[in-house]
Amino acid sequence: MSDYSTRRVTMVDTQVRPSDVTKFPIIAAMLAVLRENFVPDARREAAYVGANIPLADRRVVLEARSLAKMLDFLDIQPGERVMDLGAGLGYGAAIMASLGADVVAVEEGALATTARQRLDAAGCQAVMVVTARLDKGAPAEGPYDAIILQGAVEAMPEAILSQLKEGGRIGAIFMEGALGVVRIGHKKEGAIAWRYAFNATAPVLPGFEARRTFVL
């Protein structure tokens, strides 16, 4: 039998803490949430590796370092309403629920169905799973204090930005060719001011590709 509890502590001690994640609630949540229950069954043994874990085409469970640092920059507070876009099997949503957030996890198709099952089994009562196209979000459940994307973007749809409250925050990995950077946006007077946070990579989520232009 694998000692997942030991691996969980090692993940936090070697991937999260050394990455300047110092907020105790994030560390406590990552120690409490069983990451192995939110990856595909065939990949449970790889649940705590320091890398993105493949879920489906262009879909991953973000590596713990990337997720923890994004949450650190977003500074999610208890009682805030958060949209978790591209929730996968629900790991990030479970972490944010552990932080006391009211989470709306948006996912497509079979992933949404499985995420709902995994989150229910973990007792995450504060998470609502919405089955919808990722680039449409869940406007009926918003607006949101914070939005986090569990995958990368090349272009951010206005439909997503419009669901953020005035004064709200959004975090995403922006892929520029092979290089990816995490930017945190703050909404002020209806506009988003983005700033660089750190480097990370992930596949570009469906619906978040840049529009290609062709010149003859």
Protein backbone atom coordinates (compact mmCIF):
# COMPACT_ATOMS: atom_id res chain seq x y z
CA MET A 1 0.00 0.00 0.00
CA SER A 2 1.34 3.43 -0.95
CA ASP A 3 1.97 5.90 1.87
CA TYR A 4 0.17 8.86 0.35
CA SER A 5 0.22 10.85 3.59
CA THR A 6 4.03 10.86 3.59
CA ARG A 7 4.07 11.85 -0.08
CA ARG A 8 1.66 14.68 0.66
CA VAL A 9 3.96 16.12 3.32
CA THR A 10 6.94 15.72 0.98
CA MET A 11 5.04 17.53 -1.79
CA VAL A 12 4.36 20.48 0.49
CA ASP A 13 7.91 20.53 1.89
CA THR A 14 9.70 20.22 -1.48
CA GLN A 15 7.33 21.81 -4.02
CA VAL A 16 5.17 24.33 -2.15
CA ARG A 17 7.14 25.83 0.74
CA PRO A 18 10.35 26.41 -1.29
CA SER A 19 8.29 28.33 -3.86
CA ASP A 20 7.66 31.22 -1.45
CA VAL A 21 4.15 30.07 -0.56
CA THR A 22 3.90 31.20 3.05
CA LYS A 23 0.17 31.57 3.71
CA PHE A 24 -0.65 28.94 6.32
CA PRO A 25 -4.21 28.23 5.10
CA ILE A 26 -2.88 27.19 1.66
CA ILE A 27 -0.26 24.91 3.20
CA ALA A 28 -2.84 23.43 5.57
CA ALA A 29 -5.28 22.81 2.71
CA MET A 30 -2.64 21.04 0.62
CA LEU A 31 -1.79 18.84 3.57
CA ALA A 32 -5.46 18.05 4.17
CA VAL A 33 -6.82 17.40 0.65
CA LEU A 34 -6.07 13.92 -0.71
CA ARG A 35 -4.61 14.74 -4.13
CA GLU A 36 -4.58 11.05 -5.11
CA ASN A 37 -8.39 11.09 -5.08
CA PHE A 38 -8.51 13.83 -7.74
CA VAL A 39 -6.33 12.28 -10.43
CA PRO A 40 -7.25 9.48 -12.85
CA ASP A 41 -7.19 6.10 -11.10
CA ALA A 42 -4.38 4.91 -13.40
CA ARG A 43 -2.21 7.86 -12.28
CA ARG A 44 -2.68 7.66 -8.51
CA GLU A 45 0.95 6.63 -8.05
CA ALA A 46 2.00 9.83 -9.81
CA ALA A 47 -0.33 12.08 -7.81
CA TYR A 48 2.47 13.82 -5.92
CA VAL A 49 5.11 14.25 -8.63
CA GLY A 50 6.22 17.82 -9.25
CA ALA A 51 4.58 18.10 -12.67
CA ASN A 52 1.24 18.57 -14.36
CA ILE A 53 -0.74 15.30 -14.43
CA PRO A 54 -2.54 14.54 -17.73
CA LEU A 55 -6.33 14.16 -17.53
CA ALA A 56 -7.56 14.31 -21.11
CA ASP A 57 -6.75 16.11 -24.34
CA ARG A 58 -5.20 19.48 -23.37
CA ARG A 59 -6.31 18.97 -19.78
CA VAL A 60 -4.15 18.47 -16.68
CA VAL A 61 -4.17 18.60 -12.91
CA LEU A 62 -1.88 21.58 -12.36
CA GLU A 63 1.35 20.85 -10.53
CA ALA A 64 1.07 21.69 -6.83
CA ARG A 65 3.62 24.51 -7.07
CA SER A 66 1.71 26.37 -9.80
CA LEU A 67 -1.65 26.02 -8.06
CA ALA A 68 -0.29 27.03 -4.66
CA LYS A 69 1.49 30.11 -6.00
CA MET A 70 -1.58 31.23 -7.95
CA LEU A 71 -3.70 30.88 -4.83
CA ASP A 72 -1.06 32.79 -2.83
CA PHE A 73 -1.21 35.71 -5.26
CA LEU A 74 -5.03 35.64 -5.47
CA ASP A 75 -5.27 35.71 -1.64
CA ILE A 76 -8.70 34.04 -1.52
CA GLN A 77 -10.55 34.75 1.71
CA PRO A 78 -13.21 32.70 3.55
CA GLY A 79 -16.69 33.39 2.20
CA GLU A 80 -15.51 34.70 -1.18
CA ARG A 81 -17.19 33.35 -4.30
CA VAL A 82 -14.67 31.82 -6.69
CA MET A 83 -15.05 30.41 -10.20
CA ASP A 84 -12.70 27.49 -10.86
CA LEU A 85 -12.48 27.26 -14.65
CA GLY A 86 -11.38 23.94 -16.09
CA ALA A 87 -11.76 22.26 -12.72
CA GLY A 88 -10.66 18.85 -14.01
CA LEU A 89 -11.50 16.24 -11.39
CA GLY A 90 -11.88 18.88 -8.68
CA TYR A 91 -8.52 19.08 -6.88
CA GLY A 92 -8.19 22.86 -7.05
CA ALA A 93 -11.84 23.30 -6.11
CA ALA A 94 -11.33 21.08 -3.06
CA ILE A 95 -8.30 23.14 -2.01
CA MET A 96 -10.25 26.41 -2.33
CA ALA A 97 -13.21 24.94 -0.44
CA SER A 98 -10.75 24.06 2.32
CA LEU A 99 -9.73 27.74 2.33
CA GLY A 100 -13.37 28.59 3.09
CA ALA A 101 -14.32 29.81 -0.37
CA ASP A 102 -17.70 29.29 -2.02
CA VAL A 103 -16.53 27.55 -5.21
CA VAL A 104 -18.25 27.21 -8.58
CA ALA A 105 -16.29 24.57 -10.52
CA VAL A 106 -16.85 24.78 -14.29
CA GLU A 107 -16.04 21.73 -16.38
CA GLU A 108 -17.15 19.97 -19.54
CA GLY A 109 -18.68 16.55 -20.24
CA ALA A 110 -17.40 13.45 -18.49
CA LEU A 111 -14.84 15.41 -16.47
CA ALA A 112 -17.67 17.39 -14.86
CA THR A 113 -19.54 14.22 -13.97
CA THR A 114 -16.46 12.64 -12.40
CA ALA A 115 -15.52 15.86 -10.60
CA ARG A 116 -18.96 15.97 -9.00
CA GLN A 117 -18.54 12.37 -7.82
CA ARG A 118 -15.03 12.94 -6.46
CA LEU A 119 -15.96 16.15 -4.66
CA ASP A 120 -19.08 14.58 -3.14
CA ALA A 121 -17.02 11.62 -1.94
CA ALA A 122 -14.55 14.04 -0.33
CA GLY A 123 -17.35 15.89 1.46
CA CYS A 124 -16.77 19.20 -0.35
CA GLN A 125 -20.18 20.70 0.32
CA ALA A 126 -19.11 24.23 -0.62
CA VAL A 127 -18.40 23.31 -4.26
CA MET A 128 -21.02 23.58 -7.01
CA VAL A 129 -20.06 21.79 -10.24
CA VAL A 130 -21.46 23.44 -13.37
CA THR A 131 -21.29 21.61 -16.70
CA ALA A 132 -20.60 24.24 -19.35
CA ARG A 133 -18.20 25.30 -22.05
CA LEU A 134 -15.12 26.66 -20.31
CA ASP A 135 -14.98 29.83 -22.39
CA LYS A 136 -18.55 30.67 -21.33
CA GLY A 137 -18.00 30.23 -17.59
CA ALA A 138 -20.99 30.23 -15.26
CA PRO A 139 -22.46 33.76 -15.36
CA ALA A 140 -25.69 32.72 -13.65
CA GLU A 141 -23.73 31.87 -10.48
CA GLY A 142 -21.61 35.03 -10.49
CA PRO A 143 -20.31 37.62 -10.24
CA TYR A 144 -17.12 36.34 -8.62
CA ASP A 145 -14.62 37.74 -6.16
CA ALA A 146 -11.93 35.65 -7.85
CA ILE A 147 -11.49 33.48 -10.94
CA ILE A 148 -8.75 30.90 -11.44
CA LEU A 149 -8.02 28.92 -14.59
CA GLN A 150 -6.69 25.36 -14.18
CA GLY A 151 -4.94 25.48 -17.54
CA ALA A 152 -3.39 27.98 -19.90
CA VAL A 153 -4.77 30.64 -22.22
CA GLU A 154 -3.55 32.47 -25.28
CA ALA A 155 -6.47 34.90 -25.24
CA MET A 156 -8.93 35.61 -22.44
CA PRO A 157 -12.59 35.81 -23.56
CA GLU A 158 -14.45 38.94 -22.53
CA ALA A 159 -17.27 36.62 -21.42
CA ILE A 160 -15.02 35.42 -18.58
CA LEU A 161 -13.72 38.85 -17.56
CA SER A 162 -17.28 40.19 -17.38
CA GLN A 163 -18.10 37.67 -14.64
CA LEU A 164 -15.51 39.19 -12.28
CA LYS A 165 -16.73 41.62 -9.63
CA GLU A 166 -15.39 45.14 -9.49
CA GLY A 167 -12.29 44.85 -7.31
CA GLY A 168 -12.03 41.12 -8.05
CA ARG A 169 -8.93 39.12 -9.03
CA ILE A 170 -8.24 36.61 -11.79
CA GLY A 171 -5.26 34.31 -12.25
CA ALA A 172 -4.20 32.44 -15.39
CA ILE A 173 -1.20 30.97 -17.18
CA PHE A 174 -0.62 32.82 -20.46
CA MET A 175 1.25 30.75 -23.04
CA GLU A 176 3.42 32.70 -25.46
CA GLY A 177 4.79 30.06 -27.77
CA ALA A 178 6.58 27.49 -25.61
CA LEU A 179 6.90 29.88 -22.68
CA GLY A 180 4.22 30.41 -20.08
CA VAL A 181 3.77 33.14 -17.48
CA VAL A 182 1.19 33.48 -14.75
CA ARG A 183 -0.47 36.85 -14.60
CA ILE A 184 -2.82 38.13 -11.93
CA GLY A 185 -5.47 40.61 -13.02
CA HIS A 186 -7.30 43.11 -10.84
CA LYS A 187 -10.58 44.65 -12.02
CA LYS A 188 -10.83 48.38 -11.48
CA GLU A 189 -13.42 50.65 -13.07
CA GLY A 190 -14.42 47.81 -15.37
CA ALA A 191 -10.93 47.21 -16.77
CA ILE A 192 -8.42 44.46 -15.93
CA ALA A 193 -4.89 45.46 -14.95
CA TRP A 194 -2.59 42.46 -15.39
CA ARG A 195 0.76 41.96 -13.71
CA TYR A 196 3.40 39.27 -13.93
CA ALA A 197 3.52 36.75 -11.07
CA PHE A 198 5.77 33.80 -12.02
CA ASN A 199 6.58 31.31 -14.79
CA ALA A 200 4.55 28.13 -15.35
CA THR A 201 3.27 26.01 -18.23
CA ALA A 202 0.12 24.07 -19.08
CA PRO A 203 -1.86 23.11 -22.19
CA VAL A 204 -4.11 25.84 -23.58
CA LEU A 205 -7.71 25.23 -22.55
CA PRO A 206 -10.36 24.68 -25.26
CA GLY A 207 -11.85 28.02 -26.28
CA PHE A 208 -8.90 30.06 -25.01
CA GLU A 209 -6.75 29.88 -28.14
CA ALA A 210 -5.59 33.03 -29.91
CA ARG A 211 -7.40 33.80 -33.11
CA ARG A 212 -5.21 32.89 -36.06
CA THR A 213 -5.03 35.25 -39.00
CA PHE A 214 -3.95 34.08 -42.42
CA VAL A 215 -2.47 36.33 -45.06
CA LEU A 216 -2.49 35.18 -48.68
